[in-house]
Amino acid sequence: MGLQGSCHCGRTRFEVDTVPASLTRCTCSSCSKRGALWAYYTPESFRLLTPAGDVATYRWQTQTVKLNFCANCGCATFNESPDWSGGEPDFDNPKIAVNARLFDDFDLDALPVEVIDGRNLW
């Protein structure tokens, strides 16, 4: 079962193939200020349904992560990054982190949330 989601104004829309098994809350300065809960997918499982020109991108520090947001309303929508699960960036296995708060008609409280101490890790 897939899910669809959108930013506040609806200009940036997307869909994913499956319901996430869990969510991630990162405490780094960017994620905490954006207020996102992240669900991770492979690029093949994520589809942007609106023109890429409606998406703005911010990069910080190492420039390896694309922090995407709606160019109109500013909602944090999705990030593009290498897989960091091994502690180092794996550029051969990119990940898409979708802001699960933007999923349509989805109960976020039904999923466990893992907290990553990004404030002290990077």
Protein backbone atom coordinates (compact mmCIF):
# COMPACT_ATOMS: atom_id res chain seq x y z
CA MET A 1 0.00 0.00 0.00
CA GLY A 2 1.45 3.35 -1.01
CA LEU A 3 1.05 6.80 0.44
CA GLN A 4 0.73 10.26 -1.03
CA GLY A 5 1.64 13.55 0.57
CA SER A 6 2.07 17.22 -0.12
CA CYS A 7 3.34 20.45 1.32
CA HIS A 8 0.95 22.95 2.96
CA CYS A 9 0.00 24.75 -0.25
CA GLY A 10 -0.18 21.53 -2.30
CA ARG A 11 2.28 22.71 -4.91
CA THR A 12 4.83 19.99 -4.06
CA ARG A 13 3.25 16.53 -4.16
CA PHE A 14 4.83 13.10 -3.91
CA GLU A 15 4.08 9.41 -3.37
CA VAL A 16 5.90 6.42 -1.93
CA ASP A 17 5.37 2.69 -2.51
CA THR A 18 4.93 1.54 1.09
CA VAL A 19 3.98 2.60 4.59
CA PRO A 20 7.18 3.11 6.61
CA ALA A 21 7.98 0.62 9.38
CA SER A 22 9.31 3.42 11.62
CA LEU A 23 10.08 7.12 11.68
CA THR A 24 13.21 9.04 12.61
CA ARG A 25 13.48 12.27 14.55
CA CYS A 26 16.89 13.88 14.19
CA THR A 27 18.07 16.47 16.72
CA CYS A 28 20.53 18.28 14.42
CA SER A 29 20.02 22.03 14.05
CA SER A 30 18.40 21.71 10.62
CA CYS A 31 15.99 18.85 11.33
CA SER A 32 14.92 20.16 14.72
CA LYS A 33 14.15 23.61 13.31
CA ARG A 34 12.25 22.03 10.40
CA GLY A 35 10.22 19.84 12.77
CA ALA A 36 10.26 16.82 10.48
CA LEU A 37 9.74 13.13 11.16
CA TRP A 38 11.63 11.22 8.48
CA ALA A 39 10.61 8.04 6.65
CA TYR A 40 13.39 6.53 4.52
CA TYR A 41 13.01 5.13 1.01
CA THR A 42 15.09 4.12 -1.98
CA PRO A 43 14.92 6.52 -4.94
CA GLU A 44 12.91 3.88 -6.86
CA SER A 45 10.21 3.89 -4.15
CA PHE A 46 9.72 7.68 -4.23
CA ARG A 47 8.01 9.70 -6.95
CA LEU A 48 7.81 13.47 -7.16
CA LEU A 49 4.40 14.21 -8.71
CA THR A 50 5.00 17.89 -9.46
CA PRO A 51 7.61 19.65 -11.57
CA ALA A 52 11.08 19.65 -10.07
CA GLY A 53 11.12 23.44 -10.56
CA ASP A 54 8.58 23.78 -7.74
CA VAL A 55 11.13 22.33 -5.31
CA ALA A 56 13.88 24.44 -3.74
CA THR A 57 17.04 22.93 -2.27
CA TYR A 58 19.28 23.92 0.62
CA ARG A 59 22.67 22.33 1.30
CA TRP A 60 24.82 22.85 4.38
CA GLN A 61 28.14 21.73 5.84
CA THR A 62 29.47 18.89 3.63
CA GLN A 63 27.03 19.64 0.80
CA THR A 64 26.24 15.89 0.53
CA VAL A 65 22.59 16.15 1.55
CA LYS A 66 19.96 17.97 -0.51
CA LEU A 67 17.38 19.41 1.90
CA ASN A 68 14.35 19.98 -0.32
CA PHE A 69 11.38 22.21 0.43
CA CYS A 70 8.44 23.76 -1.39
CA ALA A 71 9.55 26.91 -3.20
CA ASN A 72 6.13 28.44 -2.51
CA CYS A 73 5.12 27.66 1.12
CA GLY A 74 8.49 26.56 2.52
CA CYS A 75 7.48 23.16 3.95
CA ALA A 76 10.35 20.69 4.35
CA THR A 77 9.33 17.94 1.93
CA PHE A 78 12.13 15.42 1.31
CA ASN A 79 15.89 15.04 1.50
CA GLU A 80 18.26 13.26 -0.87
CA SER A 81 21.42 11.78 0.63
CA PRO A 82 23.83 8.87 0.56
CA ASP A 83 23.07 6.01 2.95
CA TRP A 84 24.68 6.89 6.31
CA SER A 85 23.64 3.72 8.18
CA GLY A 86 27.22 2.44 8.25
CA GLY A 87 28.57 5.68 9.75
CA GLU A 88 30.12 6.87 6.47
CA PRO A 89 28.36 8.13 3.34
CA ASP A 90 27.57 5.31 0.89
CA PHE A 91 27.05 7.15 -2.39
CA ASP A 92 26.24 3.89 -4.21
CA ASN A 93 23.07 3.50 -2.12
CA PRO A 94 21.26 6.84 -2.02
CA LYS A 95 18.26 7.38 0.25
CA ILE A 96 15.24 9.64 0.14
CA ALA A 97 14.02 10.88 3.51
CA VAL A 98 10.38 11.94 3.26
CA ASN A 99 8.84 14.24 5.85
CA ALA A 100 6.16 11.84 7.12
CA ARG A 101 4.23 14.75 8.66
CA LEU A 102 3.16 15.55 5.09
CA PHE A 103 1.55 12.17 4.32
CA ASP A 104 -2.18 12.43 3.59
CA ASP A 105 -4.54 10.72 6.07
CA PHE A 106 -1.79 8.90 7.95
CA ASP A 107 -1.59 8.17 11.69
CA LEU A 108 1.97 9.07 12.73
CA ASP A 109 1.31 7.86 16.28
CA ALA A 110 0.93 4.28 14.98
CA LEU A 111 4.68 4.03 14.26
CA PRO A 112 7.72 3.85 16.53
CA VAL A 113 10.04 6.87 16.40
CA GLU A 114 13.81 6.49 16.63
CA VAL A 115 15.71 9.55 17.83
CA ILE A 116 19.11 10.25 16.26
CA ASP A 117 21.36 12.59 18.23
CA GLY A 118 22.37 14.65 15.21
CA ARG A 119 23.15 17.63 17.42
CA ASN A 120 26.21 15.78 18.75
CA LEU A 121 26.99 13.46 15.84
CA TRP A 122 27.54 16.08 13.16
